[in-house]
C-alpha cells in the first residue's frame, strides 16, 4: 500500500521589524554614550598657571595651537605647511568665516618660542580680532 505524502509548504517569513528596531536602538545608545575628545594634531605641553579661575570655552572660539617646534594648527586642522605670518592669516580667515565676534585662544607649548606667540597675535590683529586669551593647565597642588 502506497501512502501519499502530503507536502505542506509553510510560508516562512522572517519579520525584520524587531531586528531593525534593535539596530536603531543600539545606534542611538552608542551615539549618546560616546565621548568626544577635542584633540589637536600637534602635541603640546601647556604652561602651568596658579590661577584657579578658568574661562569657559564659548562656541565662537578660534583655537590656534603652537607646538614646541613652532608649527601652527588652527581649529584642530592639520599643521600648516609653514610658519609664515601670511599662511597663518589665511588659515585664520577660513576659520573666522562662520563665526561672529570670535575669541582667539592661543594654546602654545611651554617650550615654544615667544616669537611664534607674537606672530599669532599679529595675525589676529590683521584680521581685526581683538579678543585674545591664552590656554594654560592648572599647576599641581604643592
N, C-alpha and C. Protein backbone atom coordinates (compact mmCIF):
# COMPACT_ATOMS: atom_id res chain seq x y z
N UNK A 1 0.82 -1.15 0.00
CA UNK A 1 0.00 0.00 0.00
C UNK A 1 0.89 1.24 0.00
N UNK A 2 0.48 2.07 -0.83
CA UNK A 2 1.26 3.28 -1.01
C UNK A 2 0.57 4.45 -0.35
N UNK A 3 1.29 5.05 0.62
CA UNK A 3 0.73 6.22 1.28
C UNK A 3 1.17 7.48 0.56
N UNK A 4 0.27 8.30 0.48
CA UNK A 4 0.57 9.58 -0.16
C UNK A 4 1.14 10.55 0.86
N UNK A 5 2.20 11.13 0.45
CA UNK A 5 2.77 12.16 1.31
C UNK A 5 2.14 13.49 0.99
N UNK A 6 1.71 14.09 2.01
CA UNK A 6 1.16 15.42 1.77
C UNK A 6 2.27 16.42 2.05
N UNK A 7 2.48 17.23 1.11
CA UNK A 7 3.51 18.24 1.26
C UNK A 7 2.87 19.54 1.71
N UNK A 8 3.34 19.93 2.84
CA UNK A 8 2.90 21.23 3.34
C UNK A 8 4.02 22.23 3.12
N UNK A 9 3.71 23.21 2.42
CA UNK A 9 4.69 24.29 2.22
C UNK A 9 4.32 25.42 3.15
N UNK A 10 5.10 25.49 4.17
CA UNK A 10 4.88 26.61 5.08
C UNK A 10 5.50 27.87 4.49
N UNK A 11 4.77 28.88 4.55
CA UNK A 11 5.31 30.16 4.11
C UNK A 11 6.05 30.79 5.27
N UNK A 12 7.31 30.46 5.35
CA UNK A 12 8.13 31.00 6.41
C UNK A 12 8.64 32.37 6.00
N UNK A 13 8.33 33.33 6.82
CA UNK A 13 8.82 34.68 6.56
C UNK A 13 9.47 35.18 7.84
N UNK A 14 10.56 35.83 7.63
CA UNK A 14 11.28 36.38 8.75
C UNK A 14 10.88 37.84 8.89
N UNK A 15 10.38 38.18 10.05
CA UNK A 15 9.95 39.55 10.29
C UNK A 15 11.18 40.36 10.71
N UNK A 16 11.58 41.33 9.90
CA UNK A 16 12.78 42.11 10.15
C UNK A 16 12.53 43.36 10.99
N UNK A 17 11.30 43.66 11.27
CA UNK A 17 10.99 44.88 12.00
C UNK A 17 11.63 44.91 13.39
N UNK A 18 11.53 43.85 14.20
CA UNK A 18 12.19 43.91 15.52
C UNK A 18 13.72 44.00 15.40
N UNK A 19 14.27 43.38 14.40
CA UNK A 19 15.72 43.45 14.20
C UNK A 19 16.15 44.87 13.87
N UNK A 20 15.43 45.52 13.01
CA UNK A 20 15.74 46.90 12.64
C UNK A 20 15.56 47.82 13.85
N UNK A 21 14.52 47.58 14.64
CA UNK A 21 14.32 48.38 15.85
C UNK A 21 15.50 48.23 16.81
N UNK A 22 15.98 47.02 16.98
CA UNK A 22 17.11 46.80 17.88
C UNK A 22 18.39 47.47 17.37
N UNK A 23 18.61 47.42 16.07
CA UNK A 23 19.80 48.06 15.49
C UNK A 23 19.75 49.57 15.71
N UNK A 24 18.60 50.17 15.50
CA UNK A 24 18.47 51.61 15.73
C UNK A 24 18.61 51.95 17.20
N UNK A 25 18.09 51.09 18.06
CA UNK A 25 18.22 51.33 19.49
C UNK A 25 19.69 51.28 19.91
N UNK A 26 20.43 50.31 19.41
CA UNK A 26 21.86 50.23 19.71
C UNK A 26 22.61 51.43 19.13
N UNK A 27 22.26 51.84 17.95
CA UNK A 27 22.90 53.00 17.34
C UNK A 27 22.69 54.26 18.19
N UNK A 28 21.47 54.48 18.62
CA UNK A 28 21.18 55.64 19.46
C UNK A 28 21.92 55.53 20.79
N UNK A 29 21.96 54.34 21.37
CA UNK A 29 22.67 54.15 22.64
C UNK A 29 24.14 54.51 22.50
N UNK A 30 24.80 54.01 21.47
CA UNK A 30 26.22 54.28 21.30
C UNK A 30 26.48 55.75 20.95
N UNK A 31 25.58 56.36 20.22
CA UNK A 31 25.77 57.77 19.90
C UNK A 31 25.63 58.64 21.15
N UNK A 32 24.75 58.26 22.05
CA UNK A 32 24.53 59.06 23.25
C UNK A 32 25.62 58.84 24.30
N UNK A 33 26.25 57.68 24.31
CA UNK A 33 27.24 57.40 25.35
C UNK A 33 28.67 57.65 24.90
N UNK A 34 28.87 57.99 23.66
CA UNK A 34 30.22 58.25 23.16
C UNK A 34 30.70 59.61 23.66
N UNK A 35 31.94 59.66 24.09
CA UNK A 35 32.52 60.94 24.47
C UNK A 35 33.37 61.44 23.32
N UNK A 36 33.29 62.72 23.09
CA UNK A 36 34.05 63.32 22.01
C UNK A 36 35.18 64.13 22.60
N UNK A 37 36.38 63.78 22.28
CA UNK A 37 37.55 64.50 22.78
C UNK A 37 38.03 65.48 21.73
N UNK A 38 38.35 66.68 22.19
CA UNK A 38 38.94 67.66 21.29
C UNK A 38 40.44 67.50 21.34
N UNK A 39 40.95 66.81 20.36
CA UNK A 39 42.39 66.61 20.30
C UNK A 39 42.91 67.33 19.07
N UNK A 40 44.02 67.97 19.23
CA UNK A 40 44.60 68.67 18.10
C UNK A 40 45.63 67.77 17.43
N UNK A 41 46.07 68.17 16.28
CA UNK A 41 47.04 67.40 15.52
C UNK A 41 48.43 67.53 16.11
N UNK A 42 48.68 68.58 16.89
CA UNK A 42 50.00 68.84 17.43
C UNK A 42 50.05 68.44 18.89
N UNK A 43 51.15 67.86 19.30
CA UNK A 43 51.36 67.52 20.71
C UNK A 43 51.98 68.73 21.41
N UNK A 44 51.31 69.23 22.44
CA UNK A 44 51.83 70.38 23.16
C UNK A 44 51.77 70.13 24.66
N UNK A 45 52.70 70.75 25.38
CA UNK A 45 52.70 70.77 26.84
C UNK A 45 52.38 72.19 27.24
N UNK A 46 51.20 72.40 27.78
CA UNK A 46 50.78 73.75 28.14
C UNK A 46 51.55 74.24 29.36
N UNK A 47 51.81 75.54 29.42
CA UNK A 47 52.44 76.09 30.62
C UNK A 47 51.47 76.01 31.78
N UNK A 48 52.01 76.05 32.98
CA UNK A 48 51.19 75.95 34.17
C UNK A 48 50.84 77.34 34.69
N UNK A 49 49.64 77.45 35.24
CA UNK A 49 49.18 78.70 35.83
C UNK A 49 48.66 78.40 37.23
N UNK A 50 48.82 79.35 38.13
CA UNK A 50 48.36 79.13 39.50
C UNK A 50 46.97 79.68 39.73
N UNK A 51 46.43 80.41 38.80
CA UNK A 51 45.10 80.97 38.95
C UNK A 51 44.06 79.87 38.92
N UNK A 52 43.13 79.92 39.86
CA UNK A 52 42.08 78.89 39.92
C UNK A 52 40.92 79.23 39.02
N UNK A 53 40.90 80.43 38.49
CA UNK A 53 39.79 80.87 37.65
C UNK A 53 39.99 80.36 36.23
N UNK A 54 38.98 79.71 35.69
CA UNK A 54 39.07 79.25 34.32
C UNK A 54 37.95 79.88 33.51
N UNK A 55 38.25 80.17 32.27
CA UNK A 55 37.29 80.79 31.39
C UNK A 55 36.56 79.71 30.61
N UNK A 56 35.23 79.69 30.63
CA UNK A 56 34.52 78.68 29.85
C UNK A 56 34.71 78.93 28.35
N UNK A 57 34.81 77.85 27.61
CA UNK A 57 35.01 77.97 26.17
C UNK A 57 33.67 78.27 25.51
N UNK A 58 33.62 79.36 24.77
CA UNK A 58 32.41 79.73 24.06
C UNK A 58 32.42 79.11 22.67
N UNK A 59 31.26 78.99 22.04
CA UNK A 59 31.24 78.35 20.73
C UNK A 59 31.96 79.13 19.64
N UNK A 60 32.16 80.44 19.82
CA UNK A 60 32.81 81.22 18.78
C UNK A 60 34.28 81.46 19.15
N UNK A 61 35.02 80.37 19.25
CA UNK A 61 36.44 80.44 19.60
C UNK A 61 37.26 79.93 18.42
N UNK A 62 38.30 80.67 18.09
CA UNK A 62 39.27 80.20 17.11
C UNK A 62 40.50 79.77 17.90
N UNK A 63 40.81 78.50 17.88
CA UNK A 63 41.91 77.97 18.68
C UNK A 63 43.15 77.84 17.81
N UNK A 64 44.21 78.56 18.18
CA UNK A 64 45.49 78.50 17.49
C UNK A 64 46.45 77.71 18.38
N UNK A 65 46.92 76.57 17.90
CA UNK A 65 47.81 75.70 18.66
C UNK A 65 49.22 75.86 18.11
N UNK A 66 50.18 76.07 19.01
CA UNK A 66 51.59 76.22 18.62
C UNK A 66 52.38 75.16 19.38
N UNK A 67 53.09 74.30 18.64
CA UNK A 67 53.87 73.27 19.33
C UNK A 67 55.28 73.77 19.61
N UNK A 68 56.10 72.93 20.22
CA UNK A 68 57.45 73.34 20.64
C UNK A 68 58.35 73.67 19.46
N UNK A 69 58.09 73.08 18.28
CA UNK A 69 58.90 73.35 17.09
C UNK A 69 58.40 74.58 16.32
N UNK A 70 57.32 75.20 16.75
CA UNK A 70 56.82 76.40 16.09
C UNK A 70 55.82 76.13 14.99
N UNK A 71 55.24 74.95 14.94
CA UNK A 71 54.21 74.65 13.95
C UNK A 71 52.86 75.13 14.46
N UNK A 72 52.05 75.66 13.53
CA UNK A 72 50.73 76.17 13.87
C UNK A 72 49.66 75.20 13.41
N UNK A 73 48.56 75.18 14.15
CA UNK A 73 47.35 74.47 13.77
C UNK A 73 46.18 75.35 14.18
N UNK A 74 45.21 75.54 13.29
CA UNK A 74 44.08 76.41 13.57
C UNK A 74 42.81 75.57 13.61
N UNK A 75 42.09 75.63 14.73
CA UNK A 75 40.83 74.91 14.93
C UNK A 75 40.95 73.42 14.61
N UNK A 76 41.91 72.74 15.20
CA UNK A 76 42.10 71.29 15.08
C UNK A 76 42.33 70.83 13.66
N UNK A 77 42.84 71.70 12.82
CA UNK A 77 43.18 71.30 11.45
C UNK A 77 44.58 70.70 11.45
N UNK A 78 44.99 70.08 10.37
CA UNK A 78 46.37 69.59 10.29
C UNK A 78 47.35 70.76 10.40
N UNK A 79 48.58 70.49 10.78
CA UNK A 79 49.56 71.59 10.89
C UNK A 79 49.72 72.33 9.57
N UNK A 80 49.94 73.64 9.67
CA UNK A 80 50.12 74.46 8.47
C UNK A 80 51.43 74.10 7.78
N UNK A 81 51.51 74.39 6.47
CA UNK A 81 52.68 73.99 5.69
C UNK A 81 53.94 74.74 6.08
N UNK A 82 53.78 75.97 6.56
CA UNK A 82 54.94 76.72 7.06
C UNK A 82 54.46 77.64 8.19
N UNK A 83 55.38 78.33 8.80
CA UNK A 83 55.01 79.17 9.94
C UNK A 83 55.12 80.66 9.62
N UNK A 84 54.88 81.00 8.37
CA UNK A 84 54.90 82.42 7.98
C UNK A 84 53.61 83.09 8.42
N UNK A 85 53.66 84.39 8.58
CA UNK A 85 52.51 85.17 9.02
C UNK A 85 51.36 85.09 8.01
N UNK A 86 51.68 85.16 6.72
CA UNK A 86 50.65 85.14 5.68
C UNK A 86 49.87 83.83 5.69
N UNK A 87 50.57 82.72 5.90
CA UNK A 87 49.91 81.41 5.94
C UNK A 87 48.97 81.32 7.14
N UNK A 88 49.42 81.83 8.26
CA UNK A 88 48.60 81.81 9.47
C UNK A 88 47.37 82.71 9.31
N UNK A 89 47.55 83.87 8.68
CA UNK A 89 46.42 84.78 8.47
C UNK A 89 45.37 84.11 7.59
N UNK A 90 45.81 83.44 6.51
CA UNK A 90 44.86 82.77 5.61
C UNK A 90 44.10 81.65 6.34
N UNK A 91 44.80 80.89 7.16
CA UNK A 91 44.14 79.81 7.91
C UNK A 91 43.13 80.37 8.91
N UNK A 92 43.48 81.47 9.54
CA UNK A 92 42.54 82.08 10.49
C UNK A 92 41.36 82.72 9.77
N UNK A 93 41.57 83.24 8.56
CA UNK A 93 40.46 83.78 7.77
C UNK A 93 39.43 82.70 7.47
N UNK A 94 39.91 81.51 7.11
CA UNK A 94 38.98 80.40 6.83
C UNK A 94 38.21 80.01 8.10
N UNK A 95 38.85 80.10 9.25
CA UNK A 95 38.19 79.70 10.50
C UNK A 95 37.19 80.74 10.98
N UNK A 96 37.38 82.00 10.61
CA UNK A 96 36.52 83.07 11.12
C UNK A 96 35.28 83.28 10.26
N UNK A 97 35.16 82.62 9.13
CA UNK A 97 34.09 82.87 8.17
C UNK A 97 32.70 82.76 8.80
N UNK A 98 32.43 81.69 9.54
CA UNK A 98 31.08 81.46 10.04
C UNK A 98 30.89 81.84 11.51
N UNK A 99 31.85 82.55 12.08
CA UNK A 99 31.76 82.90 13.49
C UNK A 99 31.62 84.41 13.65
N UNK A 100 30.75 84.79 14.57
CA UNK A 100 30.54 86.22 14.82
C UNK A 100 31.27 86.61 16.09
N UNK A 101 32.09 87.63 16.00
CA UNK A 101 32.84 88.18 17.12
C UNK A 101 33.59 87.08 17.89
N UNK A 102 34.47 86.35 17.19
CA UNK A 102 35.15 85.22 17.85
C UNK A 102 36.26 85.67 18.79
N UNK A 103 36.59 84.78 19.70
CA UNK A 103 37.71 84.97 20.61
C UNK A 103 38.84 84.08 20.11
N UNK A 104 40.06 84.61 20.03
CA UNK A 104 41.21 83.83 19.61
C UNK A 104 41.88 83.24 20.85
N UNK A 105 41.89 81.91 20.94
CA UNK A 105 42.53 81.24 22.06
C UNK A 105 43.87 80.68 21.58
N UNK A 106 44.94 81.17 22.15
CA UNK A 106 46.28 80.72 21.78
C UNK A 106 46.73 79.66 22.77
N UNK A 107 46.97 78.45 22.25
CA UNK A 107 47.44 77.33 23.07
C UNK A 107 48.87 77.04 22.64
N UNK A 108 49.82 77.62 23.35
CA UNK A 108 51.22 77.45 22.97
C UNK A 108 51.91 76.49 23.92
N UNK A 109 52.80 75.69 23.36
CA UNK A 109 53.61 74.78 24.16
C UNK A 109 54.47 75.59 25.13
N UNK A 110 54.77 75.01 26.27
CA UNK A 110 55.57 75.72 27.26
C UNK A 110 56.97 76.05 26.73
N UNK A 111 57.44 75.27 25.76
CA UNK A 111 58.77 75.49 25.21
C UNK A 111 58.74 76.14 23.82
N UNK A 112 57.59 76.65 23.41
CA UNK A 112 57.50 77.35 22.13
C UNK A 112 58.21 78.70 22.23
N UNK A 113 58.75 79.14 21.11
CA UNK A 113 59.43 80.44 21.10
C UNK A 113 58.40 81.55 21.26
N UNK A 114 58.82 82.58 21.95
CA UNK A 114 57.96 83.74 22.19
C UNK A 114 57.55 84.38 20.86
N UNK A 115 58.42 84.34 19.87
CA UNK A 115 58.13 84.93 18.56
C UNK A 115 56.92 84.27 17.91
N UNK A 116 56.74 82.97 18.10
CA UNK A 116 55.60 82.28 17.49
C UNK A 116 54.28 82.76 18.09
N UNK A 117 54.28 83.03 19.39
CA UNK A 117 53.07 83.54 20.04
C UNK A 117 52.78 84.96 19.56
N UNK A 118 53.82 85.77 19.44
CA UNK A 118 53.65 87.14 18.93
C UNK A 118 53.12 87.11 17.50
N UNK A 119 53.61 86.17 16.69
CA UNK A 119 53.13 86.07 15.30
C UNK A 119 51.65 85.72 15.27
N UNK A 120 51.21 84.85 16.16
CA UNK A 120 49.77 84.51 16.22
C UNK A 120 48.95 85.72 16.63
N UNK A 121 49.49 86.53 17.55
CA UNK A 121 48.79 87.75 17.96
C UNK A 121 48.74 88.76 16.82
N UNK A 122 49.80 88.86 16.02
CA UNK A 122 49.82 89.76 14.88
C UNK A 122 48.80 89.33 13.83
N UNK A 123 48.69 88.03 13.61
CA UNK A 123 47.71 87.52 12.64
C UNK A 123 46.30 87.87 13.08
N UNK A 124 46.03 87.74 14.37
CA UNK A 124 44.71 88.10 14.88
C UNK A 124 44.44 89.59 14.71
N UNK A 125 45.47 90.39 14.94
CA UNK A 125 45.32 91.84 14.79
C UNK A 125 45.05 92.22 13.34
N UNK A 126 45.73 91.56 12.39
CA UNK A 126 45.50 91.85 10.97
C UNK A 126 44.06 91.56 10.56
N UNK A 127 43.45 90.56 11.19
CA UNK A 127 42.07 90.21 10.86
C UNK A 127 41.05 91.02 11.67
N UNK A 128 41.54 91.87 12.55
CA UNK A 128 40.64 92.68 13.36
C UNK A 128 40.06 91.93 14.54
N UNK A 129 40.67 90.82 14.92
CA UNK A 129 40.22 90.04 16.07
C UNK A 129 40.95 90.56 17.30
N UNK A 130 40.23 91.26 18.15
CA UNK A 130 40.86 91.93 19.27
C UNK A 130 40.71 91.18 20.59
N UNK A 131 39.87 90.16 20.62
CA UNK A 131 39.69 89.39 21.85
C UNK A 131 40.64 88.20 21.83
N UNK A 132 41.62 88.23 22.72
CA UNK A 132 42.62 87.17 22.81
C UNK A 132 42.58 86.54 24.19
N UNK A 133 42.87 85.26 24.24
CA UNK A 133 43.02 84.57 25.50
C UNK A 133 44.08 83.49 25.33
N UNK A 134 44.66 83.07 26.43
CA UNK A 134 45.72 82.07 26.39
C UNK A 134 45.28 80.86 27.21
N UNK A 135 45.67 79.69 26.75
CA UNK A 135 45.31 78.46 27.43
C UNK A 135 46.49 77.98 28.26
N UNK A 136 46.23 77.55 29.47
CA UNK A 136 47.25 77.01 30.36
C UNK A 136 46.63 75.88 31.16
N UNK A 137 47.47 75.04 31.72
CA UNK A 137 46.96 73.96 32.57
C UNK A 137 47.16 74.33 34.03
N UNK A 138 46.35 73.73 34.90
CA UNK A 138 46.46 74.01 36.32
C UNK A 138 47.77 73.43 36.84
N UNK A 139 48.40 74.16 37.73
CA UNK A 139 49.63 73.67 38.33
C UNK A 139 49.26 72.69 39.44
N UNK A 140 50.09 71.68 39.65
CA UNK A 140 49.77 70.71 40.70
C UNK A 140 49.86 71.37 42.08
N UNK A 141 49.00 70.91 42.97
CA UNK A 141 48.97 71.46 44.33
C UNK A 141 50.26 71.08 45.05
N UNK A 142 50.83 72.02 45.76
CA UNK A 142 52.07 71.76 46.49
C UNK A 142 51.81 71.65 47.97
